[in-house]
Amino acid sequence: MRYVVFIFSLILLSCKSSDVANNIIDRPIIFNEERKQLSLDYLKERYGLEKSIPEITPKMIVLHWTAIPDLEGSFRAFNPVRLPGAREDIQKAGALNVSAHFLVDRDGTIYRLMPETIMARHVIGLNHAAIGIENVGGTKETPLTKAQLQANIDLVNYLNKKYPIEFLLGHYEYPQFQGHSLWLEKDDAYRTQKTDPGKEFMQKLREETKSLKFKPVPKNKLK
């Protein structure tokens, strides 16, 4: 009986993944030759990785919020190739604009902004191995919604079936990877403090995806 229940669960998960794939809306950000070259420069200068194509092997999923209240404003933030002058906190690390692979609207609609195996700049030290999911909102007036949580659950399950995902983390947890084999950032002074997508959101997401048995986020061994 347990075996039957297990097989039935696998079938349901497979159907769910197919539904997610069919419901993802492709809305690509600009990815021209300039963005490709800036991505290659970022990989080389930040991580010491020399490539001809800015490809990644996804091993983790990093969750974010945009802190922008609407979809169009969030999309406009990621679409330009070059980082705007207002982002002084990360300008020194390169001209490549921030982006993510997916953008989840407040109603749960999932948009794919770029291919999952091309590098996006969304998390210090780990972009070479990380798929980024951005969620519209995250301000006091626009907290993340139940629909977004469910969309993230579905998307994590979908991506886990496609790639050898080892870790699931919130953006605020990225410093804990310092000293880990996946951490490649060469500049010890290049860090930012993050709170997205919130500890409560991550707790709920982890509870709903615990069957995937991701590795725990490592403890930072550096002082």
Protein backbone atom coordinates (compact mmCIF):
# COMPACT_ATOMS: atom_id res chain seq x y z
CA MET A 1 0.00 0.00 0.00
CA ARG A 2 2.81 2.41 0.86
CA TYR A 3 4.44 1.64 -2.49
CA VAL A 4 1.20 2.50 -4.32
CA VAL A 5 0.91 5.80 -2.44
CA PHE A 6 4.56 6.60 -3.25
CA ILE A 7 4.06 5.93 -6.98
CA PHE A 8 0.85 7.99 -6.98
CA SER A 9 2.72 10.87 -5.35
CA LEU A 10 5.40 10.72 -8.04
CA ILE A 11 2.74 10.82 -10.76
CA LEU A 12 1.09 13.85 -9.16
CA LEU A 13 4.46 15.62 -8.88
CA SER A 14 5.22 14.89 -12.53
CA CYS A 15 1.85 16.28 -13.62
CA LYS A 16 2.38 19.35 -11.44
CA SER A 17 5.78 19.99 -13.03
CA SER A 18 4.24 19.72 -16.49
CA ASP A 19 1.53 22.21 -15.53
CA VAL A 20 4.17 24.68 -14.33
CA ALA A 21 6.18 24.32 -17.54
CA ASN A 22 3.07 24.98 -19.62
CA ASN A 23 2.12 28.01 -17.56
CA ILE A 24 5.48 29.80 -17.58
CA ILE A 25 5.30 32.91 -19.75
CA ASP A 26 8.49 33.77 -21.61
CA ARG A 27 9.20 37.50 -21.39
CA PRO A 28 12.90 37.86 -22.15
CA ILE A 29 14.93 40.80 -20.99
CA ILE A 30 17.46 42.28 -23.42
CA PHE A 31 20.30 39.82 -23.92
CA ASN A 32 22.38 41.17 -26.78
CA GLU A 33 26.10 40.88 -27.51
CA GLU A 34 26.89 43.61 -25.00
CA ARG A 35 25.09 41.82 -22.18
CA LYS A 36 26.77 38.56 -23.18
CA GLN A 37 30.20 40.19 -23.02
CA LEU A 38 29.47 41.90 -19.70
CA SER A 39 28.36 38.53 -18.32
CA LEU A 40 31.59 36.90 -19.50
CA ASP A 41 33.58 39.77 -17.96
CA TYR A 42 31.74 39.31 -14.67
CA LEU A 43 32.48 35.59 -14.58
CA LYS A 44 36.16 36.22 -15.26
CA GLU A 45 36.72 39.21 -13.00
CA ARG A 46 34.60 38.13 -10.01
CA TYR A 47 35.09 34.37 -10.12
CA GLY A 48 38.15 33.70 -12.26
CA LEU A 49 36.06 31.70 -14.75
CA GLU A 50 36.96 32.14 -18.42
CA LYS A 51 34.21 31.04 -20.79
CA SER A 52 33.10 31.64 -24.36
CA ILE A 53 29.42 31.48 -23.36
CA PRO A 54 28.11 32.67 -19.96
CA GLU A 55 26.64 29.30 -19.09
CA ILE A 56 26.04 27.98 -15.59
CA THR A 57 25.40 24.58 -14.06
CA PRO A 58 22.51 25.23 -11.64
CA LYS A 59 23.14 23.81 -8.18
CA MET A 60 21.01 26.18 -6.14
CA ILE A 61 17.89 28.31 -6.28
CA VAL A 62 17.98 31.77 -4.70
CA LEU A 63 14.74 33.55 -3.80
CA HIS A 64 14.36 37.34 -3.89
CA TRP A 65 11.85 40.13 -3.75
CA THR A 66 12.06 43.17 -6.02
CA ALA A 67 10.93 45.77 -3.43
CA ILE A 68 9.06 47.29 -6.39
CA PRO A 69 5.25 47.19 -6.08
CA ASP A 70 4.27 46.19 -9.62
CA LEU A 71 5.24 43.85 -12.44
CA GLU A 72 6.11 46.46 -15.05
CA GLY A 73 8.35 48.42 -12.71
CA SER A 74 10.11 45.22 -11.70
CA PHE A 75 10.63 44.19 -15.31
CA ARG A 76 12.01 47.63 -16.20
CA ALA A 77 14.58 47.27 -13.42
CA PHE A 78 16.06 44.12 -14.98
CA ASN A 79 15.65 44.83 -18.69
CA PRO A 80 18.52 47.29 -19.33
CA VAL A 81 21.90 45.77 -20.13
CA ARG A 82 23.93 48.09 -17.91
CA LEU A 83 23.57 48.77 -14.21
CA PRO A 84 21.94 52.16 -13.53
CA GLY A 85 23.99 54.81 -11.79
CA ALA A 86 21.77 54.65 -8.72
CA ARG A 87 23.20 51.27 -7.73
CA GLU A 88 26.40 52.64 -6.21
CA ASP A 89 26.55 49.78 -3.71
CA ILE A 90 27.39 47.25 -6.44
CA GLN A 91 28.81 49.45 -9.22
CA LYS A 92 32.39 48.58 -8.33
CA ALA A 93 31.78 44.93 -9.16
CA GLY A 94 30.96 45.58 -12.80
CA ALA A 95 28.64 47.29 -15.26
CA LEU A 96 26.40 44.26 -15.85
CA ASN A 97 22.84 44.98 -14.71
CA VAL A 98 21.14 42.83 -12.11
CA SER A 99 18.61 40.29 -13.34
CA ALA A 100 17.05 36.94 -12.53
CA HIS A 101 15.82 33.94 -14.44
CA PHE A 102 12.22 34.19 -13.25
CA LEU A 103 9.89 36.95 -12.10
CA VAL A 104 6.75 36.01 -10.15
CA ASP A 105 3.91 38.53 -10.17
CA ARG A 106 1.70 39.14 -7.15
CA ASP A 107 -1.08 36.98 -8.63
CA GLY A 108 1.34 34.05 -8.97
CA THR A 109 1.97 34.37 -12.71
CA ILE A 110 5.48 33.16 -13.54
CA TYR A 111 7.57 34.95 -16.17
CA ARG A 112 10.86 33.60 -17.50
CA LEU A 113 13.24 36.48 -18.17
CA MET A 114 16.21 34.49 -19.47
CA PRO A 115 17.36 30.90 -20.02
CA GLU A 116 17.93 28.98 -16.81
CA THR A 117 21.48 27.97 -17.77
CA ILE A 118 22.73 31.48 -18.60
CA MET A 119 24.25 33.51 -15.78
CA ALA A 120 22.13 36.23 -14.17
CA ARG A 121 23.59 38.74 -11.72
CA HIS A 122 21.46 38.39 -8.60
CA VAL A 123 23.58 37.07 -5.71
CA ILE A 124 27.16 37.84 -4.69
CA GLY A 125 29.62 34.97 -4.94
CA LEU A 126 27.23 32.37 -6.32
CA ASN A 127 25.87 33.52 -9.68
CA HIS A 128 27.89 30.87 -11.52
CA ALA A 129 25.70 28.13 -9.95
CA ALA A 130 22.44 29.87 -9.03
CA ILE A 131 19.01 30.19 -10.59
CA GLY A 132 17.37 33.40 -9.38
CA ILE A 133 13.65 33.84 -8.73
CA GLU A 134 12.43 37.39 -8.11
CA ASN A 135 9.03 38.11 -6.57
CA VAL A 136 7.23 41.38 -7.29
CA GLY A 137 6.78 43.42 -4.12
CA GLY A 138 8.26 42.83 -0.71
CA THR A 139 7.62 46.28 0.75
CA LYS A 140 5.53 46.95 3.86
CA GLU A 141 2.65 47.96 1.59
CA THR A 142 3.13 45.00 -0.79
CA PRO A 143 4.06 41.89 1.20
CA LEU A 144 4.54 38.69 -0.76
CA THR A 145 1.26 36.88 -1.39
CA LYS A 146 -0.04 33.33 -0.94
CA ALA A 147 -0.23 33.07 -4.72
CA GLN A 148 3.46 33.93 -4.96
CA LEU A 149 4.32 31.35 -2.33
CA GLN A 150 2.48 28.65 -4.25
CA ALA A 151 4.12 29.73 -7.51
CA ASN A 152 7.53 29.51 -5.88
CA ILE A 153 6.74 26.04 -4.50
CA ASP A 154 5.69 24.88 -7.97
CA LEU A 155 8.70 26.49 -9.63
CA VAL A 156 11.16 24.96 -7.16
CA ASN A 157 9.67 21.51 -7.80
CA TYR A 158 9.85 22.07 -11.55
CA LEU A 159 13.49 23.22 -11.48
CA ASN A 160 14.51 20.42 -9.15
CA LYS A 161 13.32 17.90 -11.74
CA LYS A 162 15.38 19.57 -14.47
CA TYR A 163 18.67 20.27 -12.68
CA PRO A 164 20.85 18.81 -9.91
CA ILE A 165 19.71 21.37 -7.34
CA GLU A 166 21.46 20.99 -3.99
CA PHE A 167 20.48 24.15 -2.11
CA LEU A 168 17.43 26.37 -1.69
CA LEU A 169 18.10 29.72 -0.05
CA GLY A 170 16.80 33.18 0.52
CA HIS A 171 18.94 36.06 -0.70
CA TYR A 172 19.62 37.08 2.90
CA GLU A 173 21.36 33.74 3.47
CA TYR A 174 24.02 34.10 0.78
CA PRO A 175 26.84 35.24 3.17
CA GLN A 176 26.64 31.84 4.88
CA PHE A 177 28.29 30.31 1.80
CA GLN A 178 31.56 32.19 2.38
CA GLY A 179 34.20 29.49 2.68
CA HIS A 180 32.03 26.92 0.85
CA SER A 181 33.36 25.31 -2.34
CA LEU A 182 30.63 27.05 -4.37
CA TRP A 183 31.69 30.51 -3.16
CA LEU A 184 33.89 32.16 -5.81
CA GLU A 185 33.78 35.92 -5.14
CA LYS A 186 37.40 37.13 -5.07
CA ASP A 187 36.85 40.49 -3.34
CA ASP A 188 36.53 40.09 0.43
CA ALA A 189 35.16 43.63 0.71
CA TYR A 190 32.31 43.14 -1.76
CA ARG A 191 29.25 42.33 0.33
CA THR A 192 25.73 43.70 0.76
CA GLN A 193 23.16 43.14 3.51
CA LYS A 194 19.89 41.61 2.35
CA THR A 195 16.60 40.64 3.95
CA ASP A 196 14.69 39.25 0.96
CA PRO A 197 12.50 37.32 0.57
CA GLY A 198 11.93 37.27 4.32
CA LYS A 199 12.47 34.49 6.87
CA GLU A 200 8.77 33.65 7.16
CA PHE A 201 8.46 33.18 3.39
CA MET A 202 11.51 30.90 3.33
CA GLN A 203 10.23 28.90 6.31
CA LYS A 204 6.94 28.23 4.55
CA LEU A 205 8.67 27.41 1.27
CA ARG A 206 11.05 24.96 2.94
CA GLU A 207 8.20 23.26 4.75
CA GLU A 208 6.36 22.72 1.47
CA THR A 209 9.47 21.44 -0.38
CA LYS A 210 11.07 19.35 2.39
CA SER A 211 10.41 16.16 0.43
CA LEU A 212 13.04 17.33 -2.09
CA LYS A 213 15.67 16.91 0.62
CA PHE A 214 17.87 19.90 -0.22
CA LYS A 215 21.11 20.24 1.69
CA PRO A 216 20.97 22.67 4.64
CA VAL A 217 22.40 26.13 4.07
CA PRO A 218 25.95 25.95 5.47
CA LYS A 219 27.12 27.78 8.53
CA ASN A 220 29.63 30.50 7.77
CA LYS A 221 32.96 29.32 9.18
CA LEU A 222 34.69 32.63 8.58
CA LYS A 223 35.05 35.18 11.36
